[in-house]
Amino acid sequence: MKSQVGIIGDGPSGMLLSQLLNKAGIEKIVLERTTRPLVL
């Protein structure tokens, strides 16, 4: 089974969801309008 998920925003909730999907083997993409260093 192949799934694709788009996550809008990489705040705490987006990052947690991304990790949970990764552990479940579900393909995903995280979209954020700010730069990575600013988010971190």
PDB file of N, CA and C in Angstrom:
ATOM      1  N   MET A   1       0.845  -1.179   0.000  1.00  0.00           N
ATOM      2  CA  MET A   1       0.000   0.000   0.000  1.00  0.00           C
ATOM      3  C   MET A   1       0.886   1.236   0.000  1.00  0.00           C
ATOM      4  N   LYS A   2       0.640   2.130  -0.935  1.00  0.00           N
ATOM      5  CA  LYS A   2       1.434   3.348  -1.036  1.00  0.00           C
ATOM      6  C   LYS A   2       0.540   4.547  -0.755  1.00  0.00           C
ATOM      7  N   SER A   3       0.947   5.379   0.182  1.00  0.00           N
ATOM      8  CA  SER A   3       0.189   6.571   0.544  1.00  0.00           C
ATOM      9  C   SER A   3       1.056   7.794   0.359  1.00  0.00           C
ATOM     10  N   GLN A   4       0.432   8.913   0.046  1.00  0.00           N
ATOM     11  CA  GLN A   4       1.137  10.177  -0.053  1.00  0.00           C
ATOM     12  C   GLN A   4       0.394  11.200   0.795  1.00  0.00           C
ATOM     13  N   VAL A   5       1.142  11.965   1.576  1.00  0.00           N
ATOM     14  CA  VAL A   5       0.554  12.961   2.465  1.00  0.00           C
ATOM     15  C   VAL A   5       1.329  14.255   2.315  1.00  0.00           C
ATOM     16  N   GLY A   6       0.614  15.365   2.286  1.00  0.00           N
ATOM     17  CA  GLY A   6       1.233  16.683   2.297  1.00  0.00           C
ATOM     18  C   GLY A   6       0.959  17.341   3.635  1.00  0.00           C
ATOM     19  N   ILE A   7       2.017  17.834   4.289  1.00  0.00           N
ATOM     20  CA  ILE A   7       1.888  18.513   5.578  1.00  0.00           C
ATOM     21  C   ILE A   7       2.221  19.974   5.353  1.00  0.00           C
ATOM     22  N   ILE A   8       1.286  20.845   5.696  1.00  0.00           N
ATOM     23  CA  ILE A   8       1.494  22.284   5.534  1.00  0.00           C
ATOM     24  C   ILE A   8       1.950  22.848   6.873  1.00  0.00           C
ATOM     25  N   GLY A   9       3.174  23.368   6.901  1.00  0.00           N
ATOM     26  CA  GLY A   9       3.732  23.955   8.117  1.00  0.00           C
ATOM     27  C   GLY A   9       4.587  22.948   8.874  1.00  0.00           C
ATOM     28  N   ASP A  10       5.763  23.387   9.277  1.00  0.00           N
ATOM     29  CA  ASP A  10       6.658  22.458   9.978  1.00  0.00           C
ATOM     30  C   ASP A  10       6.927  22.912  11.406  1.00  0.00           C
ATOM     31  N   GLY A  11       5.874  23.359  12.062  1.00  0.00           N
ATOM     32  CA  GLY A  11       5.974  23.667  13.489  1.00  0.00           C
ATOM     33  C   GLY A  11       6.007  22.364  14.270  1.00  0.00           C
ATOM     34  N   PRO A  12       5.834  22.419  15.566  1.00  0.00           N
ATOM     35  CA  PRO A  12       5.892  21.210  16.389  1.00  0.00           C
ATOM     36  C   PRO A  12       4.908  20.124  15.940  1.00  0.00           C
ATOM     37  N   SER A  13       3.692  20.519  15.606  1.00  0.00           N
ATOM     38  CA  SER A  13       2.691  19.529  15.179  1.00  0.00           C
ATOM     39  C   SER A  13       3.046  18.913  13.839  1.00  0.00           C
ATOM     40  N   GLY A  14       3.504  19.740  12.906  1.00  0.00           N
ATOM     41  CA  GLY A  14       3.888  19.234  11.589  1.00  0.00           C
ATOM     42  C   GLY A  14       5.064  18.278  11.672  1.00  0.00           C
ATOM     43  N   MET A  15       6.041  18.607  12.509  1.00  0.00           N
ATOM     44  CA  MET A  15       7.209  17.741  12.648  1.00  0.00           C
ATOM     45  C   MET A  15       6.853  16.428  13.347  1.00  0.00           C
ATOM     46  N   LEU A  16       5.978  16.486  14.357  1.00  0.00           N
ATOM     47  CA  LEU A  16       5.536  15.270  15.030  1.00  0.00           C
ATOM     48  C   LEU A  16       4.785  14.370  14.049  1.00  0.00           C
ATOM     49  N   LEU A  17       3.867  14.950  13.285  1.00  0.00           N
ATOM     50  CA  LEU A  17       3.125  14.171  12.301  1.00  0.00           C
ATOM     51  C   LEU A  17       4.066  13.563  11.268  1.00  0.00           C
ATOM     52  N   SER A  18       5.059  14.317  10.840  1.00  0.00           N
ATOM     53  CA  SER A  18       6.037  13.817   9.879  1.00  0.00           C
ATOM     54  C   SER A  18       6.782  12.594  10.426  1.00  0.00           C
ATOM     55  N   GLN A  19       7.196  12.658  11.692  1.00  0.00           N
ATOM     56  CA  GLN A  19       7.900  11.529  12.309  1.00  0.00           C
ATOM     57  C   GLN A  19       6.989  10.310  12.450  1.00  0.00           C
ATOM     58  N   LEU A  20       5.745  10.527  12.839  1.00  0.00           N
ATOM     59  CA  LEU A  20       4.804   9.411  12.981  1.00  0.00           C
ATOM     60  C   LEU A  20       4.532   8.741  11.634  1.00  0.00           C
ATOM     61  N   LEU A  21       4.369   9.542  10.590  1.00  0.00           N
ATOM     62  CA  LEU A  21       4.157   8.986   9.253  1.00  0.00           C
ATOM     63  C   LEU A  21       5.388   8.239   8.773  1.00  0.00           C
ATOM     64  N   ASN A  22       6.562   8.776   9.075  1.00  0.00           N
ATOM     65  CA  ASN A  22       7.811   8.130   8.691  1.00  0.00           C
ATOM     66  C   ASN A  22       7.931   6.748   9.337  1.00  0.00           C
ATOM     67  N   LYS A  23       7.604   6.658  10.617  1.00  0.00           N
ATOM     68  CA  LYS A  23       7.660   5.367  11.323  1.00  0.00           C
ATOM     69  C   LYS A  23       6.666   4.371  10.748  1.00  0.00           C
ATOM     70  N   ALA A  24       5.534   4.874  10.228  1.00  0.00           N
ATOM     71  CA  ALA A  24       4.515   4.009   9.642  1.00  0.00           C
ATOM     72  C   ALA A  24       4.823   3.666   8.185  1.00  0.00           C
ATOM     73  N   GLY A  25       5.896   4.256   7.644  1.00  0.00           N
ATOM     74  CA  GLY A  25       6.292   3.963   6.265  1.00  0.00           C
ATOM     75  C   GLY A  25       5.440   4.671   5.221  1.00  0.00           C
ATOM     76  N   ILE A  26       4.818   5.776   5.603  1.00  0.00           N
ATOM     77  CA  ILE A  26       3.951   6.530   4.698  1.00  0.00           C
ATOM     78  C   ILE A  26       4.743   7.672   4.082  1.00  0.00           C
ATOM     79  N   GLU A  27       4.685   7.769   2.754  1.00  0.00           N
ATOM     80  CA  GLU A  27       5.394   8.815   2.035  1.00  0.00           C
ATOM     81  C   GLU A  27       4.743  10.165   2.317  1.00  0.00           C
ATOM     82  N   LYS A  28       5.575  11.186   2.590  1.00  0.00           N
ATOM     83  CA  LYS A  28       5.043  12.506   2.893  1.00  0.00           C
ATOM     84  C   LYS A  28       5.989  13.586   2.418  1.00  0.00           C
ATOM     85  N   ILE A  29       5.434  14.806   2.341  1.00  0.00           N
ATOM     86  CA  ILE A  29       6.231  15.990   2.034  1.00  0.00           C
ATOM     87  C   ILE A  29       5.779  17.083   2.991  1.00  0.00           C
ATOM     88  N   VAL A  30       6.741  17.856   3.501  1.00  0.00           N
ATOM     89  CA  VAL A  30       6.442  18.946   4.426  1.00  0.00           C
ATOM     90  C   VAL A  30       6.715  20.261   3.701  1.00  0.00           C
ATOM     91  N   LEU A  31       5.725  21.141   3.675  1.00  0.00           N
ATOM     92  CA  LEU A  31       5.858  22.438   3.019  1.00  0.00           C
ATOM     93  C   LEU A  31       5.852  23.548   4.064  1.00  0.00           C
ATOM     94  N   GLU A  32       6.817  24.452   3.942  1.00  0.00           N
ATOM     95  CA  GLU A  32       6.926  25.579   4.874  1.00  0.00           C
ATOM     96  C   GLU A  32       7.392  26.791   4.082  1.00  0.00           C
ATOM     97  N   ARG A  33       6.847  27.956   4.354  1.00  0.00           N
ATOM     98  CA  ARG A  33       7.223  29.133   3.587  1.00  0.00           C
ATOM     99  C   ARG A  33       8.472  29.824   4.121  1.00  0.00           C
ATOM    100  N   THR A  34       8.871  29.566   5.374  1.00  0.00           N
ATOM    101  CA  THR A  34      10.082  30.182   5.908  1.00  0.00           C
ATOM    102  C   THR A  34      11.266  29.248   5.696  1.00  0.00           C
ATOM    103  N   THR A  35      12.456  29.768   5.905  1.00  0.00           N
ATOM    104  CA  THR A  35      13.661  28.980   5.693  1.00  0.00           C
ATOM    105  C   THR A  35      13.891  27.994   6.837  1.00  0.00           C
ATOM    106  N   ARG A  36      14.603  26.931   6.556  1.00  0.00           N
ATOM    107  CA  ARG A  36      14.871  25.903   7.562  1.00  0.00           C
ATOM    108  C   ARG A  36      15.602  26.466   8.790  1.00  0.00           C
ATOM    109  N   PRO A  37      16.678  27.270   8.617  1.00  0.00           N
ATOM    110  CA  PRO A  37      17.368  27.814   9.800  1.00  0.00           C
ATOM    111  C   PRO A  37      16.442  28.660  10.689  1.00  0.00           C
ATOM    112  N   LEU A  38      15.516  29.396  10.092  1.00  0.00           N
ATOM    113  CA  LEU A  38      14.601  30.221  10.876  1.00  0.00           C
ATOM    114  C   LEU A  38      13.659  29.339  11.701  1.00  0.00           C
ATOM    115  N   VAL A  39      13.196  28.238  11.126  1.00  0.00           N
ATOM    116  CA  VAL A  39      12.303  27.329  11.851  1.00  0.00           C
ATOM    117  C   VAL A  39      13.038  26.648  12.984  1.00  0.00           C
ATOM    118  N   LEU A  40      14.270  26.211  12.723  1.00  0.00           N
ATOM    119  CA  LEU A  40      15.026  25.509  13.758  1.00  0.00           C
ATOM    120  C   LEU A  40      15.402  26.452  14.872  1.00  0.00           C
TER     121      LEU A  40
END
